[in-house]
Protein backbone atom coordinates (compact mmCIF):
# COMPACT_ATOMS: atom_id res chain seq x y z
CA UNK A 1 13.94 11.09 -1.66
CA UNK A 2 13.43 13.53 1.20
CA UNK A 3 14.14 11.54 4.35
CA UNK A 4 12.12 14.04 6.40
CA UNK A 5 9.09 13.68 4.11
CA UNK A 6 9.34 9.90 4.10
CA UNK A 7 9.64 9.66 7.86
CA UNK A 8 6.79 12.11 8.42
CA UNK A 9 4.40 10.19 6.16
CA UNK A 10 5.57 6.88 7.60
CA UNK A 11 4.70 8.15 11.08
CA UNK A 12 1.23 9.22 9.94
CA UNK A 13 0.60 5.80 8.41
CA UNK A 14 1.76 3.97 11.53
CA UNK A 15 -0.56 6.05 13.71
CA UNK A 16 -3.53 5.51 11.41
CA UNK A 17 -3.19 1.77 10.84
CA UNK A 18 -2.02 0.91 14.35
CA UNK A 19 -4.46 3.07 16.34
CA UNK A 20 -7.14 4.97 14.45
CA UNK A 21 -8.46 2.34 12.06
CA UNK A 22 -7.01 -0.99 13.13
CA UNK A 23 -10.39 -2.51 14.05
CA UNK A 24 -11.99 -1.37 10.80
CA UNK A 25 -9.02 -2.63 8.79
CA UNK A 26 -9.04 -6.01 10.52
CA UNK A 27 -12.77 -6.32 9.77
CA UNK A 28 -12.33 -5.25 6.15
CA UNK A 29 -9.71 -7.95 5.57
CA UNK A 30 -11.80 -10.68 7.21
CA UNK A 31 -14.99 -12.48 6.15
CA UNK A 32 -17.13 -10.37 8.49
CA UNK A 33 -20.10 -8.50 6.97
CA UNK A 34 -19.34 -4.93 5.91
CA UNK A 35 -21.31 -2.10 4.34
CA UNK A 36 -21.81 -1.68 0.62
CA UNK A 37 -18.94 0.77 0.09
CA UNK A 38 -16.45 -1.28 2.05
CA UNK A 39 -17.62 -4.41 0.26
CA UNK A 40 -16.45 -2.86 -3.02
CA UNK A 41 -13.09 -2.04 -1.41
CA UNK A 42 -12.77 -5.61 -0.15
CA UNK A 43 -13.60 -6.99 -3.60
CA UNK A 44 -11.09 -4.65 -5.23
CA UNK A 45 -8.34 -5.62 -2.82
CA UNK A 46 -9.06 -9.30 -3.41
CA UNK A 47 -8.79 -8.79 -7.16
CA UNK A 48 -5.56 -6.83 -6.80
CA UNK A 49 -4.00 -9.42 -4.52
CA UNK A 50 -4.94 -12.18 -6.95
CA UNK A 51 -3.41 -10.18 -9.80
CA UNK A 52 -0.12 -9.79 -7.99
CA UNK A 53 -0.11 -13.45 -7.02
CA UNK A 54 -0.71 -14.40 -10.65
CA UNK A 55 2.50 -12.54 -11.55
CA UNK A 56 4.49 -14.68 -9.11
CA UNK A 57 5.64 -18.23 -9.92
CA UNK A 58 3.31 -21.04 -8.91
CA UNK A 59 6.32 -22.92 -7.54
CA UNK A 60 8.28 -20.66 -5.22
CA UNK A 61 10.24 -23.34 -3.36
CA UNK A 62 13.41 -21.77 -2.01
CA UNK A 63 12.52 -18.24 -3.10
CA UNK A 64 12.62 -15.41 -0.58
CA UNK A 65 9.78 -12.87 -0.75
CA UNK A 66 9.27 -9.56 1.02
CA UNK A 67 5.64 -8.61 1.59
CA UNK A 68 6.21 -4.88 2.11
CA UNK A 69 3.17 -3.57 3.94
CA UNK A 70 1.73 -7.00 4.69
CA UNK A 71 -1.32 -5.78 6.62
CA UNK A 72 -3.17 -8.81 7.95
CA UNK A 73 -1.07 -11.22 5.92
CA UNK A 74 -3.33 -12.62 3.17
CA UNK A 75 -0.74 -12.35 0.38
CA UNK A 76 2.03 -13.66 2.63
CA UNK A 77 0.01 -16.78 3.39
CA UNK A 78 -0.64 -17.54 -0.28
CA UNK A 79 3.02 -17.03 -1.19
CA UNK A 80 4.09 -19.32 1.66
CA UNK A 81 1.70 -21.99 0.38
CA UNK A 82 3.68 -21.93 -2.88
CA UNK A 83 6.86 -22.65 -0.98
CA UNK A 84 8.25 -19.15 -0.54
CA UNK A 85 10.14 -18.07 2.54
CA UNK A 86 8.30 -14.87 3.39
CA UNK A 87 9.28 -11.82 5.40
CA UNK A 88 5.99 -10.04 6.12
CA UNK A 89 6.53 -6.53 7.43
CA UNK A 90 4.17 -3.70 8.28
CA UNK A 91 4.42 -0.39 10.13
CA UNK A 92 1.55 -1.44 12.41
CA UNK A 93 2.50 -3.89 15.19
CA UNK A 94 -1.21 -4.45 15.83
CA UNK A 95 -1.94 -5.51 12.24
CA UNK A 96 1.10 -7.77 12.31
CA UNK A 97 -0.32 -9.41 15.44
CA UNK A 98 -3.60 -9.96 13.58
CA UNK A 99 -1.64 -11.52 10.71
CA UNK A 100 0.07 -13.92 13.11
CA UNK A 101 -3.28 -14.91 14.59
CA UNK A 102 -4.67 -15.61 11.12
CA UNK A 103 -1.87 -17.96 10.12
CA UNK A 104 -3.63 -21.21 9.12
CA UNK A 105 -2.92 -24.19 11.33
CA UNK A 106 -1.93 -26.31 8.32
CA UNK A 107 0.86 -23.89 7.33
CA UNK A 108 4.29 -24.24 8.92
CA UNK A 109 4.72 -21.08 11.00
CA UNK A 110 8.43 -20.97 10.14
CA UNK A 111 7.64 -20.17 6.49
CA UNK A 112 6.57 -16.60 7.36
CA UNK A 113 8.61 -14.22 9.48
CA UNK A 114 6.24 -11.51 10.72
CA UNK A 115 7.85 -8.20 11.63
CA UNK A 116 6.75 -4.66 12.39
CA UNK A 117 8.98 -1.90 11.10
CA UNK A 118 10.32 -0.17 8.00
CA UNK A 119 10.19 -2.05 4.70
CA UNK A 120 13.39 -0.25 3.65
CA UNK A 121 15.41 -1.59 6.58
CA UNK A 122 18.58 -3.08 5.00
CA UNK A 123 18.77 -5.60 7.85
CA UNK A 124 15.89 -7.46 6.20
CA UNK A 125 18.42 -8.71 3.65
CA UNK A 126 18.00 -9.61 0.00
CA UNK A 127 15.00 -11.11 -1.75
CA UNK A 128 14.04 -12.85 -4.95
CA UNK A 129 10.67 -11.08 -5.06
CA UNK A 130 9.24 -7.96 -3.41
CA UNK A 131 5.52 -7.18 -3.37
CA UNK A 132 4.24 -3.82 -2.14
CA UNK A 133 0.45 -3.84 -2.42
CA UNK A 134 -1.08 -0.45 -1.66
CA UNK A 135 1.79 0.45 0.67
CA UNK A 136 3.34 3.14 -1.57
CA UNK A 137 0.14 4.96 -2.52
CA UNK A 138 0.53 7.53 0.27
CA UNK A 139 3.93 8.78 -0.91
CA UNK A 140 4.66 11.46 -3.49
CA UNK A 141 5.63 10.08 -6.92
CA UNK A 142 9.28 11.13 -6.60
CA UNK A 143 9.49 9.49 -3.18
CA UNK A 144 7.78 6.38 -4.54
CA UNK A 145 10.51 6.07 -7.17
CA UNK A 146 13.27 6.32 -4.56
CA UNK A 147 11.51 3.76 -2.35
CA UNK A 148 11.26 1.40 -5.33
CA UNK A 149 14.91 1.95 -6.15
CA UNK A 150 15.82 1.09 -2.56
CA UNK A 151 13.78 -2.11 -2.73
CA UNK A 152 15.10 -3.00 -6.19
CA UNK A 153 18.68 -2.81 -4.92
CA UNK A 154 17.90 -5.86 -2.77
CA UNK A 155 15.70 -7.76 -5.24
CA UNK A 156 16.82 -10.38 -7.76
CA UNK A 157 13.77 -11.37 -9.82
CA UNK A 158 10.81 -9.00 -9.69
CA UNK A 159 9.38 -5.99 -7.92
CA UNK A 160 5.57 -5.81 -7.90
CA UNK A 161 3.96 -2.62 -6.63
CA UNK A 162 0.68 -0.76 -6.82
CA UNK A 163 0.00 2.94 -7.18
CA UNK A 164 -3.09 5.15 -7.16
CA UNK A 165 -3.89 6.03 -10.79
CA UNK A 166 -4.73 9.66 -11.40
CA UNK A 167 -8.22 9.64 -12.86
CA UNK A 168 -11.24 11.99 -12.70
CA UNK A 169 -13.25 9.30 -10.91
CA UNK A 170 -10.60 8.96 -8.22
CA UNK A 171 -10.51 12.73 -7.73
CA UNK A 172 -14.26 12.75 -7.13
CA UNK A 173 -13.97 9.91 -4.62
CA UNK A 174 -11.27 11.80 -2.73
CA UNK A 175 -13.57 14.81 -2.50
CA UNK A 176 -16.41 12.66 -1.19
CA UNK A 177 -14.05 10.94 1.23
CA UNK A 178 -13.39 14.23 3.00
CA UNK A 179 -16.93 14.05 4.36
CA UNK A 180 -16.32 10.70 6.05
CA UNK A 181 -15.75 10.68 9.83
CA UNK A 182 -12.11 11.40 10.55
CA UNK A 183 -11.69 7.98 12.13
CA UNK A 184 -12.59 6.37 8.79
CA UNK A 185 -10.10 8.40 6.78
CA UNK A 186 -6.64 7.16 5.90
CA UNK A 187 -3.76 9.60 5.33
CA UNK A 188 -4.15 11.17 1.91
CA UNK A 189 -3.04 9.11 -1.04
CA UNK A 190 -0.96 10.57 -3.86
CA UNK A 191 -2.51 9.76 -7.26
CA UNK A 192 -0.16 9.76 -10.26
CA UNK A 193 -0.68 9.18 -13.97
CA UNK A 194 0.80 5.93 -15.26
CA UNK A 195 2.85 7.59 -17.99
CA UNK A 196 4.29 10.12 -15.55
CA UNK A 197 5.25 7.38 -13.11
CA UNK A 198 6.84 5.36 -15.90
CA UNK A 199 8.93 8.38 -16.95
CA UNK A 200 10.04 8.99 -13.37
CA UNK A 201 10.98 5.35 -12.88
CA UNK A 202 12.95 5.14 -16.12
CA UNK A 203 14.81 8.34 -15.23
CA UNK A 204 15.81 7.12 -11.77
CA UNK A 205 19.50 6.16 -11.64
CA UNK A 206 18.76 3.48 -9.07
CA UNK A 207 16.50 1.71 -11.56
CA UNK A 208 18.61 2.00 -14.72
CA UNK A 209 19.09 -1.77 -14.83
CA UNK A 210 15.38 -2.46 -14.50
CA UNK A 211 12.60 -2.63 -17.07
CA UNK A 212 8.88 -2.10 -16.75
CA UNK A 213 6.63 -5.09 -17.33
CA UNK A 214 2.95 -5.81 -16.91
CA UNK A 215 0.38 -3.32 -15.70
CA UNK A 216 -3.18 -3.90 -14.53
CA UNK A 217 -5.79 -1.52 -13.13
CA UNK A 218 -8.47 -2.55 -10.65
CA UNK A 219 -11.58 -0.40 -10.25
CA UNK A 220 -14.13 -1.64 -7.74
CA UNK A 221 -16.37 1.04 -6.25
CA UNK A 222 -14.22 3.15 -3.94
CA UNK A 223 -11.15 1.01 -4.61
CA UNK A 224 -8.95 2.25 -7.46
CA UNK A 225 -5.45 0.89 -7.74
CA UNK A 226 -2.99 -0.11 -10.45
CA UNK A 227 -0.39 -2.85 -10.36
CA UNK A 228 3.00 -2.44 -12.02
CA UNK A 229 5.71 -5.02 -12.56
CA UNK A 230 9.45 -4.32 -12.78
CA UNK A 231 12.16 -6.81 -13.63
CA UNK A 232 15.92 -6.46 -14.03
CA UNK A 233 17.38 -6.53 -17.52
CA UNK A 234 18.95 -9.91 -18.28
C-alpha cells in the first residue's frame, strides 16, 4: 500500500466527514425526516448494518470488536448490547462526539470505547472481530487489500467489510452525483468488481491464512454496497 496515497485519502475523508458534511451525516443517521434520495441511502445503510450484524454471533460476551469507521455509532451500540467490548473509531472527532451523545442510557458506557483516529493504529490492540462498514470504499482496490491485511493481522475470528461494487448503475449514479452541490459530495469512491477484489485478496501475502466467506449486495436507490466476510483458516 502506498502510505502517501493512504494518508492523502484519509485526510480528505477526515475533512469531509468532520467539517463539510457532518450535519448532513448526523441527520442521515438519525430518525429526522430526509428527502427521497437520502431516504433510500438511509434504508440501504440500515439493511447493510443489519446484514453485518447477522454475521456476528448473537452472544458476544467477552469478545472484543473493532468498529472501524464507526460514524455515529449504530453498529457499535448493537454489538455492545450482545455483550461485546467495542472500540469504536472514526477519523471524524465530531461524528465520534455524536456517537457518544447517542449512547442509550440503558447501556453501560464502559462497553464502548469511542476514539477518533486511524483504524490501522496498532495501539488499538487485537480483536476477535473487525467490522468496516463503508469505510474502505474510498480507497483504491490494492490499498483496500493492504488495509484489510493490516486489520486481519490483529483479528482472531472474522473480518467483515464492505466495498463499492462496480456496476453500470453505480457508474451512472456517480455521474449524476457530480451535479450535486459540492457540500453534499463525499470524496470519490473506488468501485471494484467482486471477482477482481477476490483475486487481489487471495493474492495478498498478508491474507494467505484467510479465506473468503459470505457476500451480500445491498442496492437501495443511491446506496450500492456489498458486504464481504473473511475468516482465518482453521
